[in-house]
Protein backbone atom coordinates (compact mmCIF):
# COMPACT_ATOMS: atom_id res chain seq x y z
CA GLY A 1 7.12 -48.69 -1.57
CA LYS A 2 3.82 -49.93 -2.88
CA GLU A 3 2.06 -49.61 0.47
CA LEU A 4 3.11 -45.97 0.77
CA MET A 5 1.70 -45.07 -2.63
CA GLU A 6 -1.64 -46.87 -2.45
CA VAL A 7 -4.70 -44.69 -2.96
CA PRO A 8 -6.77 -44.67 0.26
CA LYS A 9 -10.02 -46.56 -0.13
CA ASP A 10 -11.50 -46.15 3.34
CA GLY A 11 -12.74 -42.63 4.13
CA GLU A 12 -12.77 -43.34 7.85
CA GLY A 13 -9.03 -44.02 7.92
CA LYS A 14 -9.24 -47.76 8.69
CA GLY A 15 -6.49 -49.53 6.81
CA MET A 16 -5.45 -46.20 5.31
CA SER A 17 -1.99 -46.05 3.76
CA ILE A 18 0.56 -43.46 4.88
CA LEU A 19 -0.09 -41.44 1.76
CA GLY A 20 -3.83 -41.52 2.36
CA LEU A 21 -3.34 -40.52 5.98
CA LEU A 22 -1.21 -37.53 4.94
CA ASP A 23 -3.79 -36.53 2.35
CA HIS A 24 -6.48 -36.61 5.04
CA CYS A 25 -4.37 -34.62 7.50
CA VAL A 26 -3.46 -31.89 5.01
CA CYS A 27 -6.88 -31.38 3.46
CA GLU A 28 -9.35 -32.22 6.21
CA HIS A 29 -7.79 -31.99 9.66
CA ARG A 30 -8.93 -29.05 11.77
CA ASN A 31 -5.67 -28.51 13.64
CA ARG A 32 -3.22 -26.25 11.81
CA HIS A 33 -0.20 -27.87 13.45
CA VAL A 34 -1.26 -31.27 12.14
CA ARG A 35 -1.76 -29.85 8.64
CA ALA A 36 1.69 -28.23 8.69
CA ALA A 37 3.35 -31.42 9.98
CA ALA A 38 1.67 -33.51 7.28
CA LEU A 39 3.00 -31.13 4.63
CA GLN A 40 6.49 -31.51 6.04
CA CYS A 41 6.14 -35.28 5.78
CA LEU A 42 5.09 -34.96 2.13
CA GLU A 43 8.08 -32.72 1.51
CA GLN A 44 10.40 -35.40 2.88
CA ILE A 45 8.74 -38.07 0.73
CA VAL A 46 9.21 -35.95 -2.40
CA ARG A 47 12.83 -35.34 -1.49
CA ASP A 48 13.44 -39.07 -0.99
CA VAL A 49 11.84 -40.16 -4.27
CA ARG A 50 13.73 -37.39 -6.10
CA VAL A 51 17.08 -38.52 -4.66
CA PHE A 52 16.27 -42.19 -5.36
CA ALA A 53 15.37 -41.40 -8.99
CA SER A 54 18.55 -39.37 -9.42
CA ASN A 55 20.68 -42.20 -7.99
CA SER A 56 18.94 -44.64 -10.33
CA GLY A 57 19.71 -42.54 -13.38
CA ASN A 58 16.11 -41.45 -13.99
CA GLU A 59 15.30 -37.84 -14.89
CA VAL A 60 12.00 -37.84 -12.95
CA SER A 61 10.68 -40.31 -10.41
CA LEU A 62 7.83 -42.45 -11.65
CA HIS A 63 5.89 -41.40 -8.54
CA LEU A 64 5.83 -37.77 -9.82
CA LEU A 65 4.44 -38.52 -13.29
CA ASP A 66 0.84 -37.83 -14.30
CA GLY A 67 -1.60 -40.28 -12.77
CA ALA A 68 0.72 -41.49 -10.03
CA PRO A 69 -0.90 -41.57 -6.54
CA LEU A 70 1.83 -39.33 -5.06
CA ARG A 71 1.43 -36.78 -7.85
CA SER A 72 -2.34 -36.63 -7.30
CA CYS A 73 -1.88 -36.34 -3.55
CA LEU A 74 0.65 -33.52 -3.98
CA GLU A 75 -1.57 -31.48 -6.28
CA LYS A 76 -4.48 -31.79 -3.87
CA ALA A 77 -2.30 -30.93 -0.86
CA LEU A 78 -0.77 -27.88 -2.56
CA VAL A 79 -4.14 -26.54 -3.68
CA SER A 80 -5.41 -26.85 -0.11
CA SER A 81 -2.37 -25.54 1.75
CA LEU A 82 -1.51 -22.55 -0.47
CA VAL A 83 -4.88 -20.98 0.37
CA ASP A 84 -4.92 -21.88 4.06
CA ASN A 85 -5.87 -19.09 6.46
CA TRP A 86 -3.00 -19.95 8.80
CA SER A 87 0.35 -18.56 7.76
CA GLN A 88 2.33 -21.50 9.11
CA VAL A 89 0.33 -23.87 6.88
CA ARG A 90 0.82 -21.59 3.87
CA MET A 91 4.52 -21.51 4.63
CA ALA A 92 4.71 -25.32 4.80
CA GLY A 93 2.78 -25.49 1.53
CA SER A 94 5.14 -22.98 -0.07
CA VAL A 95 8.15 -25.09 0.97
CA LEU A 96 6.52 -28.20 -0.50
CA ALA A 97 5.71 -26.31 -3.71
CA ARG A 98 9.36 -25.34 -4.16
CA GLU A 99 10.49 -28.91 -3.53
CA VAL A 100 8.08 -30.20 -6.19
CA LEU A 101 8.24 -27.47 -8.84
CA VAL A 102 11.86 -26.31 -8.55
CA ARG A 103 13.81 -29.35 -7.42
CA ALA A 104 11.82 -32.43 -8.40
CA LEU A 105 10.44 -30.88 -11.62
CA GLY A 106 13.19 -28.33 -12.23
CA SER A 107 14.37 -26.47 -15.31
CA SER A 108 15.26 -29.60 -17.28
CA LYS A 109 11.70 -30.89 -16.81
CA LYS A 110 9.75 -27.72 -17.67
CA ALA A 111 7.13 -29.52 -19.76
CA LYS A 112 6.21 -31.79 -16.85
CA ARG A 113 6.16 -28.86 -14.42
CA ARG A 114 3.97 -26.77 -16.70
CA LYS A 115 1.18 -29.33 -16.46
CA MET A 116 0.70 -28.31 -12.82
CA PHE A 117 0.45 -24.58 -13.59
CA PRO A 118 -3.33 -24.41 -14.23
CA ALA A 119 -3.99 -25.58 -10.69
CA LEU A 120 -1.11 -23.94 -8.83
CA LEU A 121 0.03 -20.83 -10.68
CA PRO A 122 -2.77 -18.51 -9.39
CA MET A 123 -1.90 -19.32 -5.78
CA LEU A 124 1.85 -19.06 -6.34
CA CYS A 125 1.31 -15.62 -7.88
CA MET A 126 -0.85 -14.24 -5.10
CA ASN A 127 1.25 -15.57 -2.23
CA ARG A 128 4.01 -13.18 -3.34
CA PHE A 129 1.79 -10.44 -1.88
CA TYR A 130 0.61 -12.22 1.27
CA LEU A 131 0.91 -10.19 4.46
CA ALA A 132 3.04 -12.73 6.35
CA GLN A 133 6.58 -11.79 5.40
CA GLY A 134 7.92 -15.35 5.51
CA VAL A 135 5.35 -16.56 2.98
CA LYS A 136 5.80 -13.46 0.82
CA ILE A 137 9.61 -13.56 0.63
CA TYR A 138 9.78 -17.33 0.18
CA SER A 139 7.17 -17.23 -2.60
CA LYS A 140 9.04 -14.47 -4.43
CA GLU A 141 12.24 -16.49 -4.30
CA THR A 142 10.42 -19.59 -5.57
CA TRP A 143 9.08 -17.55 -8.47
CA ARG A 144 12.58 -16.34 -9.29
CA LEU A 145 13.91 -19.89 -9.22
CA MET A 146 11.13 -21.10 -11.49
CA PHE A 147 11.48 -18.28 -14.02
CA CYS A 148 15.09 -17.14 -13.68
CA ASP A 149 15.15 -15.89 -17.29
CA GLU A 150 12.15 -13.59 -16.70
CA GLY A 151 12.49 -10.15 -18.24
CA GLN A 152 10.92 -6.84 -17.26
CA SER A 153 7.69 -7.22 -19.21
CA THR A 154 7.70 -10.19 -21.58
CA GLY A 155 9.74 -12.73 -19.63
CA THR A 156 8.93 -16.34 -19.04
CA GLY A 157 6.96 -15.73 -15.85
CA MET A 158 4.69 -13.09 -17.36
CA ARG A 159 4.10 -15.21 -20.45
CA GLU A 160 2.99 -18.09 -18.24
CA VAL A 161 0.71 -15.74 -16.32
CA ALA A 162 -0.80 -14.43 -19.55
CA ALA A 163 -1.34 -17.99 -20.81
CA GLN A 164 -3.23 -18.80 -17.59
CA ALA A 165 -5.01 -15.43 -17.41
CA GLY A 166 -8.50 -16.92 -17.23
CA LYS A 167 -7.77 -19.15 -14.24
CA ILE A 168 -5.72 -16.47 -12.48
CA VAL A 169 -8.44 -13.85 -12.90
CA LYS A 170 -11.09 -16.25 -11.62
CA TYR A 171 -8.98 -17.03 -8.55
CA TYR A 172 -8.12 -13.38 -7.85
CA ALA A 173 -11.78 -12.37 -8.13
CA ALA A 174 -12.75 -15.12 -5.68
CA MET A 175 -10.07 -14.01 -3.22
CA CYS A 176 -11.40 -10.44 -3.32
CA ASP A 177 -14.53 -11.90 -1.69
CA ALA A 178 -12.66 -14.05 0.86
CA ASP A 179 -13.54 -13.83 4.55
CA ASN A 180 -9.95 -13.10 5.54
CA HIS A 181 -9.16 -9.39 5.09
CA VAL A 182 -5.45 -10.22 4.69
CA VAL A 183 -6.31 -12.35 1.65
CA ARG A 184 -8.46 -9.58 0.17
CA GLU A 185 -5.60 -7.12 0.60
CA ALA A 186 -3.14 -9.46 -1.14
CA ALA A 187 -5.63 -10.07 -3.96
CA CYS A 188 -5.88 -6.33 -4.67
CA GLN A 189 -2.09 -6.05 -4.86
CA ALA A 190 -1.90 -9.05 -7.18
CA ILE A 191 -4.58 -7.58 -9.46
CA ALA A 192 -2.66 -4.30 -9.61
CA GLU A 193 0.43 -6.23 -10.69
CA LEU A 194 -1.46 -7.62 -13.69
CA ALA A 195 -2.22 -4.10 -14.89
CA ILE A 196 1.35 -2.92 -14.25
CA ARG A 197 3.18 -5.83 -15.84
CA ILE A 198 0.78 -7.02 -18.54
CA GLY A 199 -1.33 -3.93 -19.33
CA PRO A 200 1.42 -1.81 -20.99
CA ASP A 201 2.82 -4.76 -22.96
CA GLU A 202 1.54 -4.85 -26.54
CA VAL A 203 2.02 -8.61 -26.82
CA LEU A 204 0.53 -9.67 -23.50
CA ALA A 205 -2.17 -7.01 -22.96
CA PRO A 206 -4.76 -8.75 -25.21
CA TYR A 207 -4.64 -11.80 -22.94
CA LEU A 208 -5.90 -9.72 -20.01
CA ALA A 209 -8.25 -7.35 -21.83
CA PRO A 210 -11.28 -9.73 -21.85
CA HIS A 211 -11.05 -10.02 -18.07
CA VAL A 212 -10.67 -6.34 -17.14
CA SER A 213 -14.36 -5.92 -16.31
CA THR A 214 -14.24 -8.94 -13.99
CA LEU A 215 -11.16 -7.64 -12.20
CA LEU A 216 -12.60 -4.14 -11.92
CA ARG A 217 -15.79 -5.48 -10.37
CA ALA A 218 -13.73 -7.40 -7.83
CA LEU A 219 -11.76 -4.25 -7.01
CA LEU A 220 -14.94 -2.19 -6.63
CA LEU A 221 -16.14 -4.77 -4.11
CA CYS A 222 -12.92 -4.32 -2.11
CA PHE A 223 -13.06 -0.56 -2.60
CA GLN A 224 -16.05 -0.52 -0.22
CA ASP A 225 -14.52 -2.93 2.28
CA GLU A 226 -14.74 -2.28 6.01
CA SER A 227 -10.97 -2.84 6.37
CA TRP A 228 -9.01 0.27 5.43
CA PRO A 229 -5.88 -1.61 4.22
CA VAL A 230 -8.09 -3.49 1.75
CA ARG A 231 -9.73 -0.27 0.58
CA ASP A 232 -6.32 1.34 0.27
CA GLU A 233 -4.98 -1.38 -2.01
CA ALA A 234 -8.20 -1.44 -4.05
CA CYS A 235 -7.99 2.34 -4.47
CA ILE A 236 -4.46 2.12 -5.86
CA ALA A 237 -5.31 -0.83 -8.11
CA CYS A 238 -8.32 0.94 -9.62
CA GLY A 239 -6.14 3.90 -10.56
CA ILE A 240 -3.59 1.59 -12.15
CA PHE A 241 -6.30 -0.18 -14.16
CA ALA A 242 -7.81 3.12 -15.29
CA LYS A 243 -4.39 4.15 -16.56
CA ALA A 244 -3.69 0.82 -18.29
CA TYR A 245 -7.20 0.27 -19.75
CA PRO A 246 -8.91 3.70 -19.87
CA ASP A 247 -11.60 2.75 -22.39
CA LEU A 248 -12.55 -0.49 -20.65
CA CYS A 249 -12.80 1.30 -17.28
CA ARG A 250 -14.87 4.21 -18.59
CA PRO A 251 -18.30 2.60 -17.87
CA ASP A 252 -17.46 2.53 -14.15
CA LEU A 253 -15.74 5.91 -14.07
CA GLU A 254 -18.45 7.83 -12.22
CA GLN A 255 -18.49 5.27 -9.44
CA LEU A 256 -14.70 5.33 -9.30
CA TYR A 257 -14.60 9.12 -9.02
CA GLY A 258 -17.05 9.00 -6.13
CA LEU A 259 -14.97 6.41 -4.28
CA TRP A 260 -11.67 8.16 -4.97
CA PHE A 261 -13.00 11.49 -3.70
CA ASP A 262 -14.48 9.81 -0.61
CA HIS A 263 -11.10 8.30 0.18
CA LEU A 264 -9.41 11.65 -0.31
CA ARG A 265 -11.04 12.67 3.00
CA ASP A 266 -10.55 9.34 4.79
CA PRO A 267 -9.48 9.36 8.48
CA ILE A 268 -6.37 7.34 7.57
CA TRP A 269 -3.59 9.52 6.12
CA SER A 270 -2.12 6.82 3.86
CA VAL A 271 -5.55 6.22 2.33
CA ARG A 272 -5.81 9.93 1.54
CA GLU A 273 -2.36 9.94 -0.05
CA ASP A 274 -3.03 6.83 -2.13
CA ALA A 275 -6.39 8.20 -3.27
CA ALA A 276 -4.56 11.24 -4.63
CA SER A 277 -2.08 8.94 -6.40
CA ALA A 278 -4.96 6.98 -7.95
CA LEU A 279 -6.55 10.23 -9.11
CA SER A 280 -3.21 11.15 -10.65
CA ASP A 281 -3.42 7.96 -12.73
CA ALA A 282 -6.97 8.92 -13.70
CA MET A 283 -5.78 12.36 -14.82
CA THR A 284 -3.12 10.70 -16.96
CA ALA A 285 -5.75 8.43 -18.50
CA TYR A 286 -8.64 10.87 -19.01
CA GLY A 287 -6.94 14.24 -19.41
CA SER A 288 -8.64 17.59 -18.88
CA ASP A 289 -11.98 16.21 -17.70
CA ALA A 290 -10.32 14.39 -14.81
CA VAL A 291 -8.10 17.40 -14.05
CA SER A 292 -11.09 19.75 -13.78
CA ARG A 293 -12.83 17.32 -11.41
CA CYS A 294 -9.75 17.05 -9.21
CA VAL A 295 -9.22 20.81 -9.13
CA ALA A 296 -12.82 21.36 -8.04
CA GLU A 297 -12.50 18.72 -5.31
CA ALA A 298 -9.23 20.19 -4.03
CA LYS A 299 -10.74 23.67 -3.87
CA SER A 300 -13.73 22.40 -1.90
CA LEU A 301 -11.59 20.55 0.65
CA LEU A 302 -8.85 23.14 1.06
CA PRO A 303 -10.46 25.56 3.55
CA CYS A 304 -12.01 22.88 5.80
CA ALA A 305 -9.27 23.09 8.46
CA ARG A 306 -10.61 26.49 9.51
CA ASP A 307 -13.80 24.74 10.68
CA GLN A 308 -11.95 22.35 13.00
CA PRO A 309 -13.24 22.85 16.59
CA ALA A 310 -10.78 24.57 18.89
CA GLN A 311 -8.91 22.28 21.28
CA THR A 312 -5.86 22.57 23.48
CA TYR A 313 -3.14 19.95 23.71
CA GLU A 314 -4.21 19.16 27.30
CA GLU A 315 -7.81 18.58 26.18
CA MET A 316 -6.62 16.25 23.44
CA VAL A 317 -4.52 14.20 25.87
CA ALA A 318 -7.43 14.05 28.32
CA SER A 319 -9.74 12.70 25.60
CA HIS A 320 -7.15 10.05 24.70
CA ASN A 321 -7.05 8.89 28.32
CA ASP A 322 -10.81 9.03 28.98
CA ALA A 323 -11.94 5.43 29.42
CA ALA A 324 -15.59 6.34 28.81
CA LEU A 325 -14.76 7.52 25.29
CA HIS A 326 -13.06 4.23 24.44
CA THR A 327 -15.47 1.69 25.95
CA ASP A 328 -17.64 -0.46 23.65
CA THR A 329 -16.20 1.24 20.58
CA GLN A 330 -14.02 0.23 17.64
CA LEU A 331 -11.36 -2.45 18.11
CA TYR A 332 -8.09 -2.36 16.18
CA SER A 333 -5.73 -4.96 14.81
CA CYS A 334 -3.28 -6.78 17.05
CA GLY A 335 -1.61 -8.53 14.12
CA SER A 336 -3.66 -11.72 14.04
CA LEU A 337 -4.08 -13.21 10.58
CA ALA A 338 -7.15 -15.24 11.53
CA PRO A 339 -10.27 -14.51 9.44
CA LYS A 340 -12.03 -12.48 12.12
CA LEU A 341 -12.74 -9.42 9.97
CA HIS A 342 -15.94 -9.69 7.95
CA LYS A 343 -16.68 -7.90 4.70
CA SER A 344 -19.95 -6.44 5.91
CA ALA A 345 -19.54 -3.27 7.95
CA ASN A 346 -22.50 -4.02 10.22
CA ARG A 347 -20.91 -7.07 11.85
CA VAL A 348 -19.15 -7.20 15.19
CA ALA A 349 -15.39 -7.10 14.67
CA GLY A 350 -12.67 -9.03 16.43
CA CYS A 351 -9.09 -8.25 17.41
CA SER A 352 -8.00 -8.40 13.77
CA ASP A 353 -10.24 -5.52 12.79
CA CYS A 354 -8.86 -2.61 10.78
CA ARG A 355 -12.01 -0.55 10.54
CA VAL A 356 -12.14 3.18 11.18
CA LEU A 357 -15.80 4.12 10.92
CA ARG A 358 -15.78 7.70 12.25
CA ASP A 359 -16.28 10.67 9.97
CA ALA A 360 -13.20 12.56 8.87
CA TYR A 361 -12.28 15.65 10.88
CA PRO A 362 -12.28 18.95 8.96
CA TRP A 363 -8.48 19.23 9.10
CA GLU A 364 -8.16 15.76 7.53
CA LYS A 365 -10.08 16.99 4.51
CA THR A 366 -7.57 19.81 4.07
CA ASP A 367 -4.82 17.23 4.49
CA GLY A 368 -6.33 15.27 1.59
CA ALA A 369 -6.41 18.46 -0.48
CA ILE A 370 -2.64 18.84 0.04
CA TYR A 371 -2.03 15.41 -1.48
CA MET A 372 -4.36 16.28 -4.35
CA ILE A 373 -2.60 19.58 -5.07
CA ARG A 374 0.72 17.73 -5.02
CA GLU A 375 -0.51 15.57 -7.91
CA LEU A 376 -1.93 18.57 -9.77
CA CYS A 377 1.50 20.21 -9.88
CA GLY A 378 2.96 17.70 -12.33
CA ASP A 379 2.87 17.30 -16.11
CA GLY A 380 1.58 20.83 -16.72
CA ARG A 381 -1.90 19.78 -15.61
CA VAL A 382 -2.86 23.14 -14.11
CA GLY A 383 -1.68 26.55 -15.27
CA ASP A 384 -0.22 29.15 -12.93
CA GLY A 385 -3.35 31.28 -13.21
CA GLU A 386 -5.31 28.58 -11.38
CA LEU A 387 -2.58 26.90 -9.36
CA LEU A 388 -1.06 30.01 -7.76
CA PRO A 389 -4.28 31.09 -5.96
CA MET A 390 -4.69 27.53 -4.68
CA MET A 391 -1.14 27.55 -3.31
CA GLU A 392 -1.67 30.93 -1.64
CA GLU A 393 -4.88 29.63 -0.08
CA LEU A 394 -3.02 26.51 1.05
CA ALA A 395 -0.32 28.59 2.76
CA ASP A 396 -2.97 30.68 4.52
CA VAL A 397 -5.08 27.72 5.67
CA CYS A 398 -2.05 25.95 7.12
CA ARG A 399 -1.42 28.85 9.49
CA VAL A 400 -4.20 27.61 11.79
CA ARG A 401 -3.04 26.89 15.34
CA HIS A 402 -6.25 26.45 17.33
CA PHE A 403 -6.00 22.64 17.55
CA PRO A 404 -2.98 20.35 18.17
CA LYS A 405 -3.32 18.38 14.95
CA ALA A 406 -2.56 21.55 13.00
CA ASN A 407 1.05 20.47 13.42
CA ASP A 408 0.29 17.25 11.53
CA LEU A 409 -1.37 19.27 8.79
CA ARG A 410 1.72 21.43 8.37
CA ALA A 411 3.93 18.33 8.48
CA THR A 412 2.02 16.99 5.48
CA LEU A 413 2.58 20.29 3.67
CA TRP A 414 6.33 20.29 4.36
CA LYS A 415 6.66 16.70 3.18
CA ALA A 416 4.73 17.46 0.00
CA LEU A 417 6.26 20.83 -0.91
CA PRO A 418 9.66 19.54 -2.17
CA ILE A 419 7.78 17.03 -4.33
CA MET A 420 5.60 19.83 -5.69
CA ALA A 421 8.71 21.86 -6.46
CA GLU A 422 10.29 19.00 -8.35
CA LYS A 423 7.11 18.43 -10.35
CA MET A 424 6.93 22.12 -11.32
CA GLY A 425 10.57 22.50 -12.20
CA LYS A 426 13.21 24.74 -10.68
CA ARG A 427 12.60 27.86 -12.75
CA ARG A 428 8.82 27.88 -12.33
CA PHE A 429 8.85 27.12 -8.62
CA LYS A 430 11.62 29.59 -7.84
CA ALA A 431 9.95 32.40 -9.75
CA MET A 432 6.37 32.09 -8.49
CA TYR A 433 5.92 29.71 -5.56
CA LEU A 434 8.95 29.71 -3.27
CA GLU A 435 8.17 32.95 -1.48
CA VAL A 436 4.54 31.93 -0.99
CA PHE A 437 5.63 29.41 1.63
CA LEU A 438 8.82 30.88 3.12
CA ASP A 439 7.12 32.89 5.85
CA LEU A 440 4.96 29.96 7.01
CA LEU A 441 7.89 27.54 6.77
CA PHE A 442 10.11 29.54 9.12
CA ARG A 443 7.24 30.45 11.43
CA SER A 444 6.58 26.71 11.72
CA LEU A 445 10.20 26.14 12.66
CA ASP A 446 9.94 28.78 15.37
CA TRP A 447 6.57 27.53 16.66
CA ALA A 448 7.88 23.99 16.85
CA ARG A 449 11.06 25.11 18.62
CA MET A 450 9.00 26.91 21.24
CA GLY A 451 6.31 24.23 21.65
CA ASP A 452 5.96 21.94 24.64
CA ASP A 453 3.78 19.20 23.16
CA ALA A 454 5.17 16.07 21.56
CA CYS A 455 3.17 16.44 18.36
CA ASN A 456 5.35 19.41 17.43
CA ARG A 457 8.37 17.20 16.89
CA GLY A 458 7.14 15.63 13.66
CA ALA A 459 6.20 19.04 12.25
CA GLN A 460 9.60 20.45 13.27
CA PHE A 461 11.50 17.64 11.58
CA ALA A 462 9.35 17.92 8.44
CA ALA A 463 9.90 21.69 8.30
CA GLU A 464 13.66 21.34 8.79
CA ARG A 465 13.87 18.70 6.07
CA CYS A 466 11.72 20.82 3.77
CA ALA A 467 14.01 23.82 4.20
CA GLN A 468 17.06 21.67 3.47
CA ASP A 469 15.45 20.07 0.40
CA LEU A 470 14.24 23.36 -1.04
CA ALA A 471 17.66 24.93 -0.51
CA ALA A 472 19.29 22.02 -2.34
CA PHE A 473 16.70 22.24 -5.12
CA VAL A 474 16.91 25.95 -5.93
CA GLY A 475 20.51 26.37 -4.74
CA PRO A 476 21.64 27.27 -1.19
CA ARG A 477 22.77 30.78 -2.10
CA ILE A 478 19.57 31.59 -3.97
CA PHE A 479 17.46 30.16 -1.14
CA GLN A 480 19.27 32.11 1.54
CA GLY A 481 19.06 35.26 -0.58
CA ARG A 482 15.24 35.07 -0.42
CA LEU A 483 15.18 34.93 3.38
CA GLU A 484 14.40 37.85 5.66
CA ASP A 485 16.80 38.70 8.46
CA TRP A 486 14.79 36.93 11.17
CA MET A 487 14.71 33.72 9.11
CA VAL A 488 18.47 33.40 8.67
CA PRO A 489 19.30 32.11 12.21
CA LEU A 490 16.59 29.46 11.87
CA TYR A 491 17.99 28.40 8.51
CA GLU A 492 21.47 28.16 10.00
CA GLN A 493 20.06 25.88 12.68
CA CYS A 494 18.65 23.66 9.96
CA ALA A 495 22.03 23.53 8.28
CA LEU A 496 23.67 22.57 11.57
CA ALA A 497 21.07 19.86 12.14
CA ALA A 498 21.74 18.51 8.66
CA SER A 499 25.46 18.23 9.47
CA ASN A 500 24.65 16.42 12.77
CA LYS A 501 26.12 19.22 14.85
CA GLU A 502 24.65 20.52 18.07
CA PRO A 503 22.82 23.75 17.17
CA GLN A 504 23.64 26.81 19.23
CA CYS A 505 21.04 29.38 20.25
CA PRO A 506 21.53 32.21 17.73
CA LEU A 507 21.92 35.84 18.71
CA GLY A 508 22.10 34.94 22.39
CA LEU A 509 18.42 34.01 22.50
CA GLY A 510 17.19 31.43 24.99
CA PRO A 511 15.52 28.24 23.75
CA ARG A 512 12.03 29.72 24.30
CA ALA A 513 12.67 33.15 22.78
CA THR A 514 10.85 33.71 19.49
CA MET A 515 12.56 35.06 16.39
CA ILE A 516 9.33 36.08 14.63
CA PRO A 517 8.88 39.83 14.19
CA PRO A 518 6.43 41.23 16.77
CA VAL A 519 4.34 42.92 14.04
CA PRO A 520 2.73 40.42 11.65
CA ILE A 521 3.79 40.96 8.07
CA PRO A 522 1.10 41.28 5.36
CA GLY A 523 -0.48 37.91 4.78
CA GLY A 524 0.92 36.60 8.06
CA ILE A 525 -0.70 35.03 11.08
CA GLY A 526 -2.35 38.29 12.06
CA ARG A 527 -5.01 37.63 9.42
CA PHE A 528 -6.56 34.85 11.51
CA PRO A 529 -8.24 34.93 14.93
CA TYR A 530 -6.84 31.55 16.02
């Protein structure tokens, strides 16, 4: 009725209409539960006026037309709620947005719905990457309902995004500087999507090109964030932008190389892997110059694991359980989405912190080199004359056993090796590289089988899976034909494990009896004092 739709005239709430009260509760109230409840009330009002208009034979309710008090209240409420730091408020705002944009202003009223895009489309886009899964999934489904005829690159949704590129870029850049690290992480993912979906498209790319420098500056800000998930997403996005817009990214290339190489030795393994993937995009974009830089970096990091201080498994466990080593130090995330993580690294962090400020261990640098070599194996980037010595050095370095995390290092190698083989091609890998790793692969299987510590299990599984994958890649008969006699029982165990059968101890050996020859073969573990 008229009283419901009156514009509030008293800022203190005296005599305020229901609509004015809801507007106040959504946009100004401090309690998140009140904000979410007010959004649910607005959703019910929109549903009622939509049903009433439909029953009256009207296409759109008069209350949802431009200039109507309800329409103005809805736009203000959606703008406020879709950027709220509390996920439950964002979710309530997302539900209201679907009710307004999909149902009340659905496909038959596209022109009326499009008028709300300048204000709402940037937030609807970015919420598809929000960390809270409910908000993310619901927003993706709303997007599909709004643009059901969207194609792979030039569909309706991407055309609308390109048309609103200026406003979207401005919003994304602002969110890269938000106090909430979850928002910064989502903004980096959303920026990467622009380069993936719009950058390669000849029709839409010019819409984004004027804003590439703005987006790259925002990503560089996040690239130096104290939160490693934010840095991880920014790292990936910078590589994607360099690949999509190589000339426009060239002025910042030296800074990007420095950040990529720093992240290649990060304490977080996924950051190291994603840094290598970003450098792979850079090699695609900039050719031989980028390849030579990456080769030099990989060579410098490769031998670092030999410098890792010696440590037993018992000493490692003792350090994990030493309260003195973990008092008044870094705090880690407990899953809270509250904006407790600041952008500046010199601030005190809360329970939502994702910082890891320690220096990388030497073995982690070698681990980063493995990911880098994996990317160098593809597209004929490095010839055998340079790649083969690197692979031989990699196999030798990964024989280290003087610290427990050496198992994790070898696990990375065994996960990466089948990918390297596929990148090289069957003939090339089989002819030159397979036998480089066979001895270490089966020694790893035997070491893991004999080990007592829990960290061997991941390395054992990775080695078993690697043996199975390589055998399938080059052919089981060819693979088995390259094995020495002592390796065959271990390979048969892998085959039994792959078929989910209980492996039997081969040759009557007990579970702790080694199958490795007592005399180290040339190039074997006898070369190292560890």
